[in-house]
């Protein structure tokens, strides 16, 4: 147990401090992890990438647009940590609202992960060939 915890801290401590330097708050994950949890588990999620109204289909959208949508729904200005927390709560709320759906989505994602099909993100990979 001590070895596992030591390895955990060894690998995550740098991100903890980098996040503190960039946002002023301590956190082990990026400030966009919440939006990604939500994208994968919202009511219309299909197990592959599904767009969210008002959020562009790229990294800028996942950061800047997700912030705007979270602030609009919260009706106040949010820090990056608060935006992340907002999307985490939205994602967790959807998971707990329908746990069976979450389990089905999880297994679908697991099957897709081990399949030989490359899931397109925001463009068709077969079209690009």
Protein backbone atom coordinates (compact mmCIF):
# COMPACT_ATOMS: atom_id res chain seq x y z
CA UNK A 1 0.00 0.00 0.00
CA UNK A 2 2.77 2.42 0.92
CA UNK A 3 4.55 1.69 -2.36
CA UNK A 4 1.37 2.35 -4.37
CA UNK A 5 0.70 5.62 -2.53
CA UNK A 6 4.32 6.73 -3.00
CA UNK A 7 4.14 6.04 -6.74
CA UNK A 8 0.80 7.83 -6.91
CA UNK A 9 2.21 10.94 -5.24
CA UNK A 10 5.44 10.81 -7.23
CA UNK A 11 3.62 10.92 -10.55
CA UNK A 12 0.79 13.28 -9.61
CA UNK A 13 2.66 15.86 -7.54
CA UNK A 14 4.06 17.69 -10.60
CA UNK A 15 0.55 18.14 -12.05
CA UNK A 16 -0.67 19.32 -8.65
CA UNK A 17 1.88 22.14 -8.63
CA UNK A 18 1.47 22.98 -12.33
CA UNK A 19 -2.26 23.32 -11.81
CA UNK A 20 -1.62 25.55 -8.81
CA UNK A 21 0.73 27.78 -10.84
CA UNK A 22 -1.77 28.13 -13.70
CA UNK A 23 -5.06 28.40 -11.77
CA UNK A 24 -4.16 29.28 -8.20
CA UNK A 25 -5.88 26.16 -6.90
CA UNK A 26 -4.53 22.71 -6.12
CA UNK A 27 -5.95 19.90 -8.23
CA UNK A 28 -4.70 16.61 -9.59
CA UNK A 29 -6.57 16.84 -12.90
CA UNK A 30 -6.82 19.42 -15.64
CA UNK A 31 -9.49 22.08 -15.46
CA UNK A 32 -11.25 20.44 -18.41
CA UNK A 33 -11.79 17.00 -16.90
CA UNK A 34 -15.32 17.90 -15.80
CA UNK A 35 -16.54 18.81 -19.29
CA UNK A 36 -15.15 15.53 -20.60
CA UNK A 37 -16.94 13.57 -17.89
CA UNK A 38 -20.13 15.37 -18.86
CA UNK A 39 -19.63 14.81 -22.61
CA UNK A 40 -19.25 11.09 -22.00
CA UNK A 41 -22.25 10.80 -19.68
CA UNK A 42 -24.87 13.43 -20.51
CA UNK A 43 -28.46 12.43 -21.33
CA UNK A 44 -27.81 12.12 -25.08
CA UNK A 45 -24.37 10.43 -24.78
CA UNK A 46 -23.97 7.42 -27.09
CA UNK A 47 -20.65 5.98 -25.93
CA UNK A 48 -18.77 7.96 -28.58
CA UNK A 49 -18.24 11.70 -28.90
CA UNK A 50 -21.53 13.58 -28.85
CA UNK A 51 -21.58 17.35 -29.18
CA UNK A 52 -22.99 19.61 -26.49
CA UNK A 53 -25.13 22.60 -27.58
CA UNK A 54 -23.13 25.82 -27.33
CA UNK A 55 -19.75 24.08 -27.12
CA UNK A 56 -17.50 23.85 -30.18
CA UNK A 57 -16.10 20.46 -31.16
CA UNK A 58 -12.48 21.26 -30.33
CA UNK A 59 -10.18 22.00 -27.39
CA UNK A 60 -11.03 25.70 -27.48
CA UNK A 61 -14.71 24.87 -27.20
CA UNK A 62 -14.10 22.42 -24.40
CA UNK A 63 -12.32 25.15 -22.46
CA UNK A 64 -13.72 28.56 -23.43
CA UNK A 65 -17.26 27.61 -24.49
CA UNK A 66 -17.64 25.21 -21.55
CA UNK A 67 -16.73 28.12 -19.28
CA UNK A 68 -19.31 30.42 -20.93
CA UNK A 69 -22.08 27.81 -20.71
CA UNK A 70 -21.25 26.99 -17.07
CA UNK A 71 -21.23 30.70 -16.15
CA UNK A 72 -24.52 31.29 -17.98
CA UNK A 73 -26.20 28.37 -16.19
CA UNK A 74 -24.65 29.40 -12.84
CA UNK A 75 -25.51 33.06 -13.46
CA UNK A 76 -22.12 34.25 -12.22
CA UNK A 77 -18.43 34.44 -13.11
CA UNK A 78 -16.57 31.20 -12.30
CA UNK A 79 -12.91 30.39 -11.72
CA UNK A 80 -11.42 27.54 -13.81
CA UNK A 81 -11.72 25.24 -10.78
CA UNK A 82 -15.39 26.20 -10.34
CA UNK A 83 -16.09 25.58 -14.03
CA UNK A 84 -14.51 22.15 -13.72
CA UNK A 85 -16.50 21.42 -10.57
CA UNK A 86 -19.69 22.58 -12.30
CA UNK A 87 -19.23 20.08 -15.15
CA UNK A 88 -18.20 17.31 -12.75
CA UNK A 89 -21.45 17.83 -10.81
CA UNK A 90 -23.46 17.81 -14.05
CA UNK A 91 -21.78 14.58 -15.17
CA UNK A 92 -22.19 12.86 -11.79
CA UNK A 93 -25.82 14.02 -11.63
CA UNK A 94 -26.49 12.34 -14.99
CA UNK A 95 -24.76 9.15 -13.87
CA UNK A 96 -26.79 8.90 -10.66
CA UNK A 97 -30.02 9.85 -12.42
CA UNK A 98 -29.75 6.71 -14.54
CA UNK A 99 -27.11 4.27 -13.25
CA UNK A 100 -28.19 1.44 -15.56
CA UNK A 101 -27.67 3.69 -18.58
CA UNK A 102 -24.23 4.59 -17.23
CA UNK A 103 -23.27 0.91 -16.91
CA UNK A 104 -24.47 0.22 -20.47
CA UNK A 105 -22.49 3.21 -21.78
CA UNK A 106 -19.43 2.07 -19.86
CA UNK A 107 -19.52 -1.39 -21.40
CA UNK A 108 -20.11 0.06 -24.85
CA UNK A 109 -17.03 2.27 -24.38
CA UNK A 110 -15.07 -0.72 -23.15
CA UNK A 111 -16.03 -2.74 -26.25
CA UNK A 112 -15.12 0.19 -28.50
CA UNK A 113 -11.78 0.54 -26.74
CA UNK A 114 -10.85 -3.07 -27.49
CA UNK A 115 -12.26 -3.09 -31.04
CA UNK A 116 -10.13 -2.39 -34.11
CA UNK A 117 -12.38 0.50 -35.18
CA UNK A 118 -10.95 3.99 -34.68
CA UNK A 119 -13.81 6.03 -33.28
CA UNK A 120 -13.95 9.41 -35.06
CA UNK A 121 -13.90 12.42 -32.79
CA UNK A 122 -15.08 15.46 -34.67
CA UNK A 123 -14.39 14.35 -38.26
CA UNK A 124 -14.77 11.16 -40.27
CA UNK A 125 -11.47 9.27 -40.45
CA UNK A 126 -12.64 7.09 -43.35
CA UNK A 127 -13.39 10.24 -45.36
CA UNK A 128 -9.86 11.54 -44.70
CA UNK A 129 -8.23 8.41 -46.22
